[in-house]
Amino acid sequence: MRAMVIDRPGLPLRLEDREIPAPGAGRVLVRVHACGVCRTDLHVVDGELPQARYPVVPGHEIVGEVAGLGEGVAGLRVGDRVGVPWLGWTCGVCAYCTTGRENLCDRALFTGCSLDGGYADYTLADARFCFALPEKYSDAHAAPLLCAGLIGHRARRMAGNAERIGLYGFGAAAHIVAQVAAFAGQRVYAFTRPGDRAAQDLARRLGAVWAGGSDEAPPEKLDAAIVFAPVGPLVPAALAQVVKGGSVIAAGIHMSDIPAFPYAILWGERAVRSVANLTRADGEEFMRVAAEAPIETVVTPFPLEEANRALAALREGRLTGAAVLVY
């Protein structure tokens, strides 16, 4: 099988021919049909995540077909379509796992980071961490749901019952959560790179009531803001735009340093918090939402062998929506 592998941080991915792996107990072999290209993959490539191990096959927005079952797997059959997300395994016994917070498990393993992921023809996955996907999405259009959609869903839930919600960084995650929020009756304000008219036009088409640069102020104050771009200075910028009692949610796994800011923009019971990973309950809940809401995932397809080109396009901000590797 083909696999795109990164040997150590800073190197481009290389194409490698590997044997198709056999699934062990509790695991399934997945024939990959599509895999989203996520900003977290760039953090793996750049060596910014301490949980990463090398060499590794990146990719954690995996859509494929069950091709083999390990001993003890229940609830899945060969031929089933499944999605494999970022959270690949948890211990199940720690204080976090036993209180509904498995996303914080200290021993957790992550797809495409500490476990080989979906930039390959086949991958192995823990059967317990595979999701059924809504039938209305094609493989390529379902892929961004597995991280961009899931993290956006968890971040939006943390924002509470915000009527006016700002999204800083209008990429793969924001273009999905904007549609879910608009469907739920929230007013969405999209903040893009200054001058990015394509992203602003897309935001308005997908339901945003306003779209502008991250250096602009919206026409009214926000109840909450979600920062998807890994840019630390956007946190105080967002804080300055939320009302008293509002919240700013940092939704990335990695971010540049947040600069010092005046206490006045935090005062008034404003809050800043982060989103870490996901739980299986998040995934199951979001797939129900995705089945009901009219979500359009905007994707740019790339062949597996062009994973480096897809990552470069993401890094350079040349994508509208999400990049997806299709096999």
C-alpha atoms as a PDB file:
ATOM      1  CA  MET A   1       0.000   0.000   0.000  1.00  0.00           C
ATOM      2  CA  ARG A   2       1.010   3.638  -0.451  1.00  0.00           C
ATOM      3  CA  ALA A   3       1.714   5.789   2.590  1.00  0.00           C
ATOM      4  CA  MET A   4       2.903   9.382   2.927  1.00  0.00           C
ATOM      5  CA  VAL A   5       5.338   9.477   5.846  1.00  0.00           C
ATOM      6  CA  ILE A   6       7.106  12.243   7.745  1.00  0.00           C
ATOM      7  CA  ASP A   7      10.372  11.033   9.266  1.00  0.00           C
ATOM      8  CA  ARG A   8      11.066  14.036  11.469  1.00  0.00           C
ATOM      9  CA  PRO A   9       9.852  17.620  11.860  1.00  0.00           C
ATOM     10  CA  GLY A  10      10.721  20.013   9.082  1.00  0.00           C
ATOM     11  CA  LEU A  11      11.020  17.405   6.349  1.00  0.00           C
ATOM     12  CA  PRO A  12       8.532  16.984   3.511  1.00  0.00           C
ATOM     13  CA  LEU A  13       6.393  13.880   3.495  1.00  0.00           C
ATOM     14  CA  ARG A  14       7.762  11.023   1.400  1.00  0.00           C
ATOM     15  CA  LEU A  15       5.889   8.273  -0.420  1.00  0.00           C
ATOM     16  CA  GLU A  16       6.574   4.810   0.979  1.00  0.00           C
ATOM     17  CA  ASP A  17       5.392   1.354  -0.087  1.00  0.00           C
ATOM     18  CA  ARG A  18       4.240  -0.670   2.925  1.00  0.00           C
ATOM     19  CA  GLU A  19       2.586  -3.968   3.651  1.00  0.00           C
ATOM     20  CA  ILE A  20      -1.123  -3.749   4.448  1.00  0.00           C
ATOM     21  CA  PRO A  21      -1.305  -4.078   8.249  1.00  0.00           C
ATOM     22  CA  ALA A  22      -3.385  -6.724  10.020  1.00  0.00           C
ATOM     23  CA  PRO A  23      -5.849  -5.548  12.680  1.00  0.00           C
ATOM     24  CA  GLY A  24      -5.156  -6.721  16.215  1.00  0.00           C
ATOM     25  CA  ALA A  25      -7.714  -7.284  18.948  1.00  0.00           C
ATOM     26  CA  GLY A  26     -10.327  -4.541  19.083  1.00  0.00           C
ATOM     27  CA  ARG A  27      -9.062  -2.857  15.932  1.00  0.00           C
ATOM     28  CA  VAL A  28     -10.315  -2.569  12.381  1.00  0.00           C
ATOM     29  CA  LEU A  29      -8.519  -2.258   9.078  1.00  0.00           C
ATOM     30  CA  VAL A  30      -9.902   0.688   7.123  1.00  0.00           C
ATOM     31  CA  ARG A  31      -9.517   1.095   3.375  1.00  0.00           C
ATOM     32  CA  VAL A  32      -9.151   4.872   3.138  1.00  0.00           C
ATOM     33  CA  HIS A  33     -11.259   6.637   0.511  1.00  0.00           C
ATOM     34  CA  ALA A  34     -10.607  10.236   1.575  1.00  0.00           C
ATOM     35  CA  CYS A  35      -8.673  12.086   4.267  1.00  0.00           C
ATOM     36  CA  GLY A  36      -8.983  15.749   5.119  1.00  0.00           C
ATOM     37  CA  VAL A  37      -5.907  17.944   5.392  1.00  0.00           C
ATOM     38  CA  CYS A  38      -6.094  19.776   8.710  1.00  0.00           C
ATOM     39  CA  ARG A  39      -4.029  22.604  10.183  1.00  0.00           C
ATOM     40  CA  THR A  40      -3.088  20.182  12.959  1.00  0.00           C
ATOM     41  CA  ASP A  41      -1.239  18.191  10.287  1.00  0.00           C
ATOM     42  CA  LEU A  42       0.942  21.258   9.755  1.00  0.00           C
ATOM     43  CA  HIS A  43       1.708  21.325  13.482  1.00  0.00           C
ATOM     44  CA  VAL A  44       2.788  17.657  13.220  1.00  0.00           C
ATOM     45  CA  VAL A  45       4.967  18.466  10.203  1.00  0.00           C
ATOM     46  CA  ASP A  46       6.508  21.436  12.016  1.00  0.00           C
ATOM     47  CA  GLY A  47       7.173  19.528  15.252  1.00  0.00           C
ATOM     48  CA  GLU A  48       4.938  21.752  17.370  1.00  0.00           C
ATOM     49  CA  LEU A  49       3.025  18.975  19.180  1.00  0.00           C
ATOM     50  CA  PRO A  50       4.814  17.171  22.045  1.00  0.00           C
ATOM     51  CA  GLN A  51       2.524  14.150  21.711  1.00  0.00           C
ATOM     52  CA  ALA A  52       3.709  13.425  18.157  1.00  0.00           C
ATOM     53  CA  ARG A  53       6.004  10.503  17.421  1.00  0.00           C
ATOM     54  CA  TYR A  54       8.112  10.086  14.297  1.00  0.00           C
ATOM     55  CA  PRO A  55       8.119   8.633  11.748  1.00  0.00           C
ATOM     56  CA  VAL A  56       4.362   8.895  11.389  1.00  0.00           C
ATOM     57  CA  VAL A  57       1.675   8.855   8.719  1.00  0.00           C
ATOM     58  CA  PRO A  58      -0.377  12.050   9.250  1.00  0.00           C
ATOM     59  CA  GLY A  59      -4.106  12.468   8.736  1.00  0.00           C
ATOM     60  CA  HIS A  60      -7.031  12.329  11.148  1.00  0.00           C
ATOM     61  CA  GLU A  61     -10.096  13.211   9.076  1.00  0.00           C
ATOM     62  CA  ILE A  62     -10.445   9.733   7.632  1.00  0.00           C
ATOM     63  CA  VAL A  63     -13.373   8.365   5.656  1.00  0.00           C
ATOM     64  CA  GLY A  64     -13.172   4.785   4.499  1.00  0.00           C
ATOM     65  CA  GLU A  65     -14.555   1.286   4.421  1.00  0.00           C
ATOM     66  CA  VAL A  66     -13.984  -1.450   6.981  1.00  0.00           C
ATOM     67  CA  ALA A  67     -11.770  -3.995   5.226  1.00  0.00           C
ATOM     68  CA  GLY A  68     -10.898  -6.270   8.152  1.00  0.00           C
ATOM     69  CA  LEU A  69     -11.888  -6.961  11.749  1.00  0.00           C
ATOM     70  CA  GLY A  70      -9.664  -7.811  14.679  1.00  0.00           C
ATOM     71  CA  GLU A  71     -10.654 -10.211  17.414  1.00  0.00           C
ATOM     72  CA  GLY A  72     -13.445  -8.997  19.678  1.00  0.00           C
ATOM     73  CA  VAL A  73     -14.754  -6.208  17.437  1.00  0.00           C
ATOM     74  CA  ALA A  74     -18.510  -5.790  17.785  1.00  0.00           C
ATOM     75  CA  GLY A  75     -20.922  -3.479  16.019  1.00  0.00           C
ATOM     76  CA  LEU A  76     -18.956  -3.166  12.772  1.00  0.00           C
ATOM     77  CA  ARG A  77     -18.908  -5.310   9.671  1.00  0.00           C
ATOM     78  CA  VAL A  78     -16.639  -5.532   6.647  1.00  0.00           C
ATOM     79  CA  GLY A  79     -17.967  -3.027   4.108  1.00  0.00           C
ATOM     80  CA  ASP A  80     -19.279  -0.499   6.632  1.00  0.00           C
ATOM     81  CA  ARG A  81     -18.400   3.142   5.917  1.00  0.00           C
ATOM     82  CA  VAL A  82     -16.727   4.751   8.933  1.00  0.00           C
ATOM     83  CA  GLY A  83     -15.063   7.972   9.952  1.00  0.00           C
ATOM     84  CA  VAL A  84     -11.882   7.945  12.039  1.00  0.00           C
ATOM     85  CA  PRO A  85     -11.210  11.118  14.076  1.00  0.00           C
ATOM     86  CA  TRP A  86      -8.271  12.714  15.906  1.00  0.00           C
ATOM     87  CA  LEU A  87      -8.899  10.949  19.218  1.00  0.00           C
ATOM     88  CA  GLY A  88      -7.711   7.418  18.526  1.00  0.00           C
ATOM     89  CA  TRP A  89      -7.512   5.747  21.949  1.00  0.00           C
ATOM     90  CA  THR A  90      -7.960   6.534  25.640  1.00  0.00           C
ATOM     91  CA  CYS A  91      -7.187   4.517  28.758  1.00  0.00           C
ATOM     92  CA  GLY A  92     -10.792   4.375  29.990  1.00  0.00           C
ATOM     93  CA  VAL A  93      -9.831   4.210  33.668  1.00  0.00           C
ATOM     94  CA  CYS A  94      -8.363   7.591  34.657  1.00  0.00           C
ATOM     95  CA  ALA A  95     -10.264  10.364  36.420  1.00  0.00           C
ATOM     96  CA  TYR A  96     -10.877  12.138  33.119  1.00  0.00           C
ATOM     97  CA  CYS A  97     -12.123   9.064  31.248  1.00  0.00           C
ATOM     98  CA  THR A  98     -14.483   8.015  34.025  1.00  0.00           C
ATOM     99  CA  THR A  99     -16.102  11.454  34.319  1.00  0.00           C
ATOM    100  CA  GLY A 100     -16.999  12.053  30.669  1.00  0.00           C
ATOM    101  CA  ARG A 101     -13.794  13.952  29.874  1.00  0.00           C
ATOM    102  CA  GLU A 102     -11.848  11.391  27.872  1.00  0.00           C
ATOM    103  CA  ASN A 103     -10.611  14.229  25.651  1.00  0.00           C
ATOM    104  CA  LEU A 104      -8.259  15.151  28.528  1.00  0.00           C
ATOM    105  CA  CYS A 105      -6.882  11.644  29.132  1.00  0.00           C
ATOM    106  CA  ASP A 106      -3.146  11.887  29.858  1.00  0.00           C
ATOM    107  CA  ARG A 107      -2.475   8.603  28.066  1.00  0.00           C
ATOM    108  CA  ALA A 108      -4.573   9.358  24.994  1.00  0.00           C
ATOM    109  CA  LEU A 109      -3.262   8.479  21.535  1.00  0.00           C
ATOM    110  CA  PHE A 110      -4.061  10.591  18.494  1.00  0.00           C
ATOM    111  CA  THR A 111      -4.634   9.578  14.907  1.00  0.00           C
ATOM    112  CA  GLY A 112      -1.984  10.870  12.528  1.00  0.00           C
ATOM    113  CA  CYS A 113       0.143  12.089  15.434  1.00  0.00           C
ATOM    114  CA  SER A 114       0.964   9.309  17.901  1.00  0.00           C
ATOM    115  CA  LEU A 115      -0.801   6.688  15.739  1.00  0.00           C
ATOM    116  CA  ASP A 116      -0.417   6.284  11.979  1.00  0.00           C
ATOM    117  CA  GLY A 117      -3.232   8.097  10.231  1.00  0.00           C
ATOM    118  CA  GLY A 118      -5.034   8.410   6.946  1.00  0.00           C
ATOM    119  CA  TYR A 119      -2.460   9.652   4.448  1.00  0.00           C
ATOM    120  CA  ALA A 120      -2.291   6.062   3.227  1.00  0.00           C
ATOM    121  CA  ASP A 121      -4.348   3.512   1.322  1.00  0.00           C
ATOM    122  CA  TYR A 122      -5.111   1.635   4.554  1.00  0.00           C
ATOM    123  CA  THR A 123      -5.006   2.468   8.244  1.00  0.00           C
ATOM    124  CA  LEU A 124      -5.768   0.733  11.530  1.00  0.00           C
ATOM    125  CA  ALA A 125      -8.249   2.180  14.017  1.00  0.00           C
ATOM    126  CA  ASP A 126      -9.678   1.271  17.397  1.00  0.00           C
ATOM    127  CA  ALA A 127     -13.202   0.092  16.612  1.00  0.00           C
ATOM    128  CA  ARG A 128     -14.569   2.022  19.615  1.00  0.00           C
ATOM    129  CA  PHE A 129     -13.372   5.298  18.101  1.00  0.00           C
ATOM    130  CA  CYS A 130     -14.952   4.919  14.661  1.00  0.00           C
ATOM    131  CA  PHE A 131     -18.063   6.933  13.793  1.00  0.00           C
ATOM    132  CA  ALA A 132     -20.970   6.181  11.507  1.00  0.00           C
ATOM    133  CA  LEU A 133     -21.329   8.993   8.974  1.00  0.00           C
ATOM    134  CA  PRO A 134     -24.458  10.647   7.567  1.00  0.00           C
ATOM    135  CA  GLU A 135     -25.247   9.076   4.208  1.00  0.00           C
ATOM    136  CA  LYS A 136     -25.918  12.392   2.464  1.00  0.00           C
ATOM    137  CA  TYR A 137     -22.204  13.298   2.372  1.00  0.00           C
ATOM    138  CA  SER A 138     -19.818  11.861  -0.197  1.00  0.00           C
ATOM    139  CA  ASP A 139     -16.517  10.523   1.125  1.00  0.00           C
ATOM    140  CA  ALA A 140     -14.614  13.706   0.231  1.00  0.00           C
ATOM    141  CA  HIS A 141     -17.310  15.989   1.651  1.00  0.00           C
ATOM    142  CA  ALA A 142     -17.620  13.936   4.846  1.00  0.00           C
ATOM    143  CA  ALA A 143     -13.890  14.118   5.636  1.00  0.00           C
ATOM    144  CA  PRO A 144     -13.859  17.691   7.067  1.00  0.00           C
ATOM    145  CA  LEU A 145     -16.628  16.722   9.487  1.00  0.00           C
ATOM    146  CA  LEU A 146     -14.153  14.464  11.359  1.00  0.00           C
ATOM    147  CA  CYS A 147     -12.109  17.315  12.867  1.00  0.00           C
ATOM    148  CA  ALA A 148     -13.041  20.701  11.439  1.00  0.00           C
ATOM    149  CA  GLY A 149     -16.679  19.929  12.130  1.00  0.00           C
ATOM    150  CA  LEU A 150     -16.136  18.204  15.463  1.00  0.00           C
ATOM    151  CA  ILE A 151     -13.874  20.858  16.967  1.00  0.00           C
ATOM    152  CA  GLY A 152     -16.161  23.599  15.679  1.00  0.00           C
ATOM    153  CA  HIS A 153     -19.110  21.837  17.282  1.00  0.00           C
ATOM    154  CA  ARG A 154     -17.374  21.508  20.661  1.00  0.00           C
ATOM    155  CA  ALA A 155     -16.187  25.125  20.529  1.00  0.00           C
ATOM    156  CA  ARG A 156     -19.654  26.403  19.610  1.00  0.00           C
ATOM    157  CA  ARG A 157     -21.152  24.455  22.508  1.00  0.00           C
ATOM    158  CA  MET A 158     -18.626  26.072  24.874  1.00  0.00           C
ATOM    159  CA  ALA A 159     -19.757  29.462  23.633  1.00  0.00           C
ATOM    160  CA  GLY A 160     -23.127  28.807  25.285  1.00  0.00           C
ATOM    161  CA  ASN A 161     -26.334  30.369  24.023  1.00  0.00           C
ATOM    162  CA  ALA A 162     -24.624  33.231  22.213  1.00  0.00           C
ATOM    163  CA  GLU A 163     -26.958  35.086  19.880  1.00  0.00           C
ATOM    164  CA  ARG A 164     -24.093  36.899  18.152  1.00  0.00           C
ATOM    165  CA  ILE A 165     -21.047  34.741  17.551  1.00  0.00           C
ATOM    166  CA  GLY A 166     -17.751  35.731  15.942  1.00  0.00           C
ATOM    167  CA  LEU A 167     -15.488  33.308  14.069  1.00  0.00           C
ATOM    168  CA  TYR A 168     -11.844  34.352  13.743  1.00  0.00           C
ATOM    169  CA  GLY A 169     -10.160  32.538  10.861  1.00  0.00           C
ATOM    170  CA  PHE A 170     -12.578  31.373   8.187  1.00  0.00           C
ATOM    171  CA  GLY A 171     -11.106  28.073   7.084  1.00  0.00           C
ATOM    172  CA  ALA A 172     -12.205  24.452   7.257  1.00  0.00           C
ATOM    173  CA  ALA A 173     -13.688  24.551  10.776  1.00  0.00           C
ATOM    174  CA  ALA A 174     -15.323  27.967  10.601  1.00  0.00           C
ATOM    175  CA  HIS A 175     -16.996  27.328   7.246  1.00  0.00           C
ATOM    176  CA  ILE A 176     -18.809  24.355   8.825  1.00  0.00           C
ATOM    177  CA  VAL A 177     -19.692  25.841  12.210  1.00  0.00           C
ATOM    178  CA  ALA A 178     -20.954  29.016  10.522  1.00  0.00           C
ATOM    179  CA  GLN A 179     -23.624  26.985   8.755  1.00  0.00           C
ATOM    180  CA  VAL A 180     -24.592  25.087  11.912  1.00  0.00           C
ATOM    181  CA  ALA A 181     -24.825  28.334  13.887  1.00  0.00           C
ATOM    182  CA  ALA A 182     -26.895  30.059  11.204  1.00  0.00           C
ATOM    183  CA  PHE A 183     -29.180  27.004  11.021  1.00  0.00           C
ATOM    184  CA  ALA A 184     -29.661  27.302  14.793  1.00  0.00           C
ATOM    185  CA  GLY A 185     -30.657  30.965  14.482  1.00  0.00           C
ATOM    186  CA  GLN A 186     -27.404  32.567  15.645  1.00  0.00           C
ATOM    187  CA  ARG A 187     -26.002  35.656  13.928  1.00  0.00           C
ATOM    188  CA  VAL A 188     -22.535  34.839  12.608  1.00  0.00           C
ATOM    189  CA  TYR A 189     -19.734  37.386  12.167  1.00  0.00           C
ATOM    190  CA  ALA A 190     -16.756  36.087  10.174  1.00  0.00           C
ATOM    191  CA  PHE A 191     -13.247  37.494  10.566  1.00  0.00           C
ATOM    192  CA  THR A 192     -10.716  36.575   7.866  1.00  0.00           C
ATOM    193  CA  ARG A 193      -7.205  37.532   6.952  1.00  0.00           C
ATOM    194  CA  PRO A 194      -7.325  41.231   6.068  1.00  0.00           C
ATOM    195  CA  GLY A 195      -8.239  41.592   2.414  1.00  0.00           C
ATOM    196  CA  ASP A 196      -9.276  37.962   1.866  1.00  0.00           C
ATOM    197  CA  ARG A 197     -12.359  38.713  -0.226  1.00  0.00           C
ATOM    198  CA  ALA A 198     -12.824  35.096  -1.322  1.00  0.00           C
ATOM    199  CA  ALA A 199     -13.158  33.880   2.269  1.00  0.00           C
ATOM    200  CA  GLN A 200     -15.442  36.804   3.131  1.00  0.00           C
ATOM    201  CA  ASP A 201     -17.682  36.100   0.140  1.00  0.00           C
ATOM    202  CA  LEU A 202     -17.833  32.412   1.129  1.00  0.00           C
ATOM    203  CA  ALA A 203     -18.719  33.352   4.715  1.00  0.00           C
ATOM    204  CA  ARG A 204     -21.613  35.515   3.588  1.00  0.00           C
ATOM    205  CA  ARG A 205     -22.810  32.804   1.195  1.00  0.00           C
ATOM    206  CA  LEU A 206     -22.779  30.258   4.026  1.00  0.00           C
ATOM    207  CA  GLY A 207     -24.894  32.376   6.343  1.00  0.00           C
ATOM    208  CA  ALA A 208     -22.708  35.035   7.989  1.00  0.00           C
ATOM    209  CA  VAL A 209     -24.499  38.346   8.484  1.00  0.00           C
ATOM    210  CA  TRP A 210     -21.168  40.176   8.295  1.00  0.00           C
ATOM    211  CA  ALA A 211     -17.650  39.337   7.095  1.00  0.00           C
ATOM    212  CA  GLY A 212     -14.500  41.413   7.305  1.00  0.00           C
ATOM    213  CA  GLY A 213     -10.839  41.366   8.188  1.00  0.00           C
ATOM    214  CA  SER A 214      -9.579  40.347  11.623  1.00  0.00           C
ATOM    215  CA  ASP A 215      -8.330  43.919  11.989  1.00  0.00           C
ATOM    216  CA  GLU A 216     -11.880  45.288  11.713  1.00  0.00           C
ATOM    217  CA  ALA A 217     -14.611  45.752  14.298  1.00  0.00           C
ATOM    218  CA  PRO A 218     -17.995  44.136  13.645  1.00  0.00           C
ATOM    219  CA  PRO A 219     -21.090  46.350  13.429  1.00  0.00           C
ATOM    220  CA  GLU A 220     -22.199  45.220  16.892  1.00  0.00           C
ATOM    221  CA  LYS A 221     -20.573  43.623  19.917  1.00  0.00           C
ATOM    222  CA  LEU A 222     -20.461  39.827  20.151  1.00  0.00           C
ATOM    223  CA  ASP A 223     -21.789  37.497  22.825  1.00  0.00           C
ATOM    224  CA  ALA A 224     -18.972  35.045  22.112  1.00  0.00           C
ATOM    225  CA  ALA A 225     -16.090  34.517  19.726  1.00  0.00           C
ATOM    226  CA  ILE A 226     -14.250  31.406  18.572  1.00  0.00           C
ATOM    227  CA  VAL A 227     -10.643  31.768  17.467  1.00  0.00           C
ATOM    228  CA  PHE A 228      -9.738  29.090  14.920  1.00  0.00           C
ATOM    229  CA  ALA A 229      -6.634  30.756  13.461  1.00  0.00           C
ATOM    230  CA  PRO A 230      -3.473  29.790  15.420  1.00  0.00           C
ATOM    231  CA  VAL A 231      -2.609  33.449  15.945  1.00  0.00           C
ATOM    232  CA  GLY A 232      -2.220  34.535  19.575  1.00  0.00           C
ATOM    233  CA  PRO A 233      -2.909  38.258  19.032  1.00  0.00           C
ATOM    234  CA  LEU A 234      -6.426  37.370  17.866  1.00  0.00           C
ATOM    235  CA  VAL A 235      -7.375  36.417  21.433  1.00  0.00           C
ATOM    236  CA  PRO A 236      -7.198  39.965  22.843  1.00  0.00           C
ATOM    237  CA  ALA A 237      -8.630  41.257  19.548  1.00  0.00           C
ATOM    238  CA  ALA A 238     -11.654  39.018  20.064  1.00  0.00           C
ATOM    239  CA  LEU A 239     -11.908  39.908  23.759  1.00  0.00           C
ATOM    240  CA  ALA A 240     -12.171  43.562  22.803  1.00  0.00           C
ATOM    241  CA  GLN A 241     -15.264  42.746  20.720  1.00  0.00           C
ATOM    242  CA  VAL A 242     -17.294  40.664  23.202  1.00  0.00           C
ATOM    243  CA  VAL A 243     -19.829  42.048  25.648  1.00  0.00           C
ATOM    244  CA  LYS A 244     -19.522  41.757  29.421  1.00  0.00           C
ATOM    245  CA  GLY A 245     -20.119  38.165  30.435  1.00  0.00           C
ATOM    246  CA  GLY A 246     -19.056  36.995  26.975  1.00  0.00           C
ATOM    247  CA  SER A 247     -16.474  34.360  26.177  1.00  0.00           C
ATOM    248  CA  VAL A 248     -13.599  33.786  23.781  1.00  0.00           C
ATOM    249  CA  ILE A 249     -12.909  30.177  22.843  1.00  0.00           C
ATOM    250  CA  ALA A 250      -9.448  29.234  21.547  1.00  0.00           C
ATOM    251  CA  ALA A 251     -10.196  26.265  19.306  1.00  0.00           C
ATOM    252  CA  GLY A 252      -6.748  25.297  18.018  1.00  0.00           C
ATOM    253  CA  ILE A 253      -4.403  22.643  19.383  1.00  0.00           C
ATOM    254  CA  HIS A 254      -1.464  25.041  18.994  1.00  0.00           C
ATOM    255  CA  MET A 255      -1.246  28.815  18.881  1.00  0.00           C
ATOM    256  CA  SER A 256       1.442  31.466  18.792  1.00  0.00           C
ATOM    257  CA  ASP A 257       1.971  33.329  22.062  1.00  0.00           C
ATOM    258  CA  ILE A 258      -0.882  35.482  23.300  1.00  0.00           C
ATOM    259  CA  PRO A 259       0.495  38.987  23.901  1.00  0.00           C
ATOM    260  CA  ALA A 260      -0.079  40.990  27.064  1.00  0.00           C
ATOM    261  CA  PHE A 261      -3.347  42.893  27.034  1.00  0.00           C
ATOM    262  CA  PRO A 262      -5.085  45.380  29.358  1.00  0.00           C
ATOM    263  CA  TYR A 263      -7.174  43.876  32.118  1.00  0.00           C
ATOM    264  CA  ALA A 264     -10.028  46.169  31.095  1.00  0.00           C
ATOM    265  CA  ILE A 265     -10.910  43.979  28.096  1.00  0.00           C
ATOM    266  CA  LEU A 266     -11.129  40.882  30.338  1.00  0.00           C
ATOM    267  CA  TRP A 267     -12.917  42.579  33.220  1.00  0.00           C
ATOM    268  CA  GLY A 268     -16.699  42.385  33.275  1.00  0.00           C
ATOM    269  CA  GLU A 269     -16.761  38.610  33.759  1.00  0.00           C
ATOM    270  CA  ARG A 270     -15.488  37.888  30.279  1.00  0.00           C
ATOM    271  CA  ALA A 271     -13.829  34.487  29.955  1.00  0.00           C
ATOM    272  CA  VAL A 272     -11.127  32.879  27.826  1.00  0.00           C
ATOM    273  CA  ARG A 273     -10.968  29.103  27.539  1.00  0.00           C
ATOM    274  CA  SER A 274      -9.572  26.474  25.198  1.00  0.00           C
ATOM    275  CA  VAL A 275     -10.927  23.432  23.430  1.00  0.00           C
ATOM    276  CA  ALA A 276      -8.920  20.217  23.741  1.00  0.00           C
ATOM    277  CA  ASN A 277      -9.554  17.295  21.399  1.00  0.00           C
ATOM    278  CA  LEU A 278     -13.007  15.680  21.419  1.00  0.00           C
ATOM    279  CA  THR A 279     -14.971  12.925  23.080  1.00  0.00           C
ATOM    280  CA  ARG A 280     -16.832  10.111  21.382  1.00  0.00           C
ATOM    281  CA  ALA A 281     -20.032  11.678  22.698  1.00  0.00           C
ATOM    282  CA  ASP A 282     -19.105  14.866  20.822  1.00  0.00           C
ATOM    283  CA  GLY A 283     -18.685  12.864  17.650  1.00  0.00           C
ATOM    284  CA  GLU A 284     -21.961  11.025  17.936  1.00  0.00           C
ATOM    285  CA  GLU A 285     -23.828  14.234  18.772  1.00  0.00           C
ATOM    286  CA  PHE A 286     -22.278  16.171  15.910  1.00  0.00           C
ATOM    287  CA  MET A 287     -23.014  13.459  13.349  1.00  0.00           C
ATOM    288  CA  ARG A 288     -26.681  13.743  14.323  1.00  0.00           C
ATOM    289  CA  VAL A 289     -26.457  17.514  13.824  1.00  0.00           C
ATOM    290  CA  ALA A 290     -24.708  17.049  10.472  1.00  0.00           C
ATOM    291  CA  ALA A 291     -27.441  14.671   9.320  1.00  0.00           C
ATOM    292  CA  GLU A 292     -30.091  17.301  10.047  1.00  0.00           C
ATOM    293  CA  ALA A 293     -28.430  20.626   9.213  1.00  0.00           C
ATOM    294  CA  PRO A 294     -27.946  21.690   5.584  1.00  0.00           C
ATOM    295  CA  ILE A 295     -24.138  21.755   5.748  1.00  0.00           C
ATOM    296  CA  GLU A 296     -22.162  22.313   2.559  1.00  0.00           C
ATOM    297  CA  THR A 297     -18.534  21.311   2.946  1.00  0.00           C
ATOM    298  CA  VAL A 298     -16.390  23.187   0.445  1.00  0.00           C
ATOM    299  CA  VAL A 299     -13.467  20.960  -0.532  1.00  0.00           C
ATOM    300  CA  THR A 300     -10.473  21.048  -2.853  1.00  0.00           C
ATOM    301  CA  PRO A 301      -9.364  17.498  -3.784  1.00  0.00           C
ATOM    302  CA  PHE A 302      -5.739  16.398  -4.098  1.00  0.00           C
ATOM    303  CA  PRO A 303      -4.288  12.971  -4.972  1.00  0.00           C
ATOM    304  CA  LEU A 304      -2.546  11.167  -2.107  1.00  0.00           C
ATOM    305  CA  GLU A 305       0.876  11.656  -3.703  1.00  0.00           C
ATOM    306  CA  GLU A 306       0.319  15.438  -3.641  1.00  0.00           C
ATOM    307  CA  ALA A 307      -0.101  15.684   0.133  1.00  0.00           C
ATOM    308  CA  ASN A 308       2.859  18.065   0.335  1.00  0.00           C
ATOM    309  CA  ARG A 309       1.209  20.380  -2.186  1.00  0.00           C
ATOM    310  CA  ALA A 310      -2.040  20.295  -0.210  1.00  0.00           C
ATOM    311  CA  LEU A 311      -0.190  21.147   3.012  1.00  0.00           C
ATOM    312  CA  ALA A 312       1.614  24.015   1.280  1.00  0.00           C
ATOM    313  CA  ALA A 313      -1.663  25.418  -0.010  1.00  0.00           C
ATOM    314  CA  LEU A 314      -3.085  25.284   3.514  1.00  0.00           C
ATOM    315  CA  ARG A 315       0.004  26.918   5.027  1.00  0.00           C
ATOM    316  CA  GLU A 316      -0.010  29.727   2.466  1.00  0.00           C
ATOM    317  CA  GLY A 317      -3.713  30.469   2.836  1.00  0.00           C
ATOM    318  CA  ARG A 318      -4.513  29.512  -0.768  1.00  0.00           C
ATOM    319  CA  LEU A 319      -7.502  27.322   0.098  1.00  0.00           C
ATOM    320  CA  THR A 320     -11.156  28.196   0.389  1.00  0.00           C
ATOM    321  CA  GLY A 321     -12.814  25.669   2.667  1.00  0.00           C
ATOM    322  CA  ALA A 322     -10.876  22.424   3.189  1.00  0.00           C
ATOM    323  CA  ALA A 323      -8.303  20.345   1.308  1.00  0.00           C
ATOM    324  CA  VAL A 324      -9.042  16.633   1.037  1.00  0.00           C
ATOM    325  CA  LEU A 325      -6.841  13.807  -0.207  1.00  0.00           C
ATOM    326  CA  VAL A 326      -8.859  11.394  -2.353  1.00  0.00           C
ATOM    327  CA  TYR A 327      -7.676   7.911  -3.356  1.00  0.00           C
END
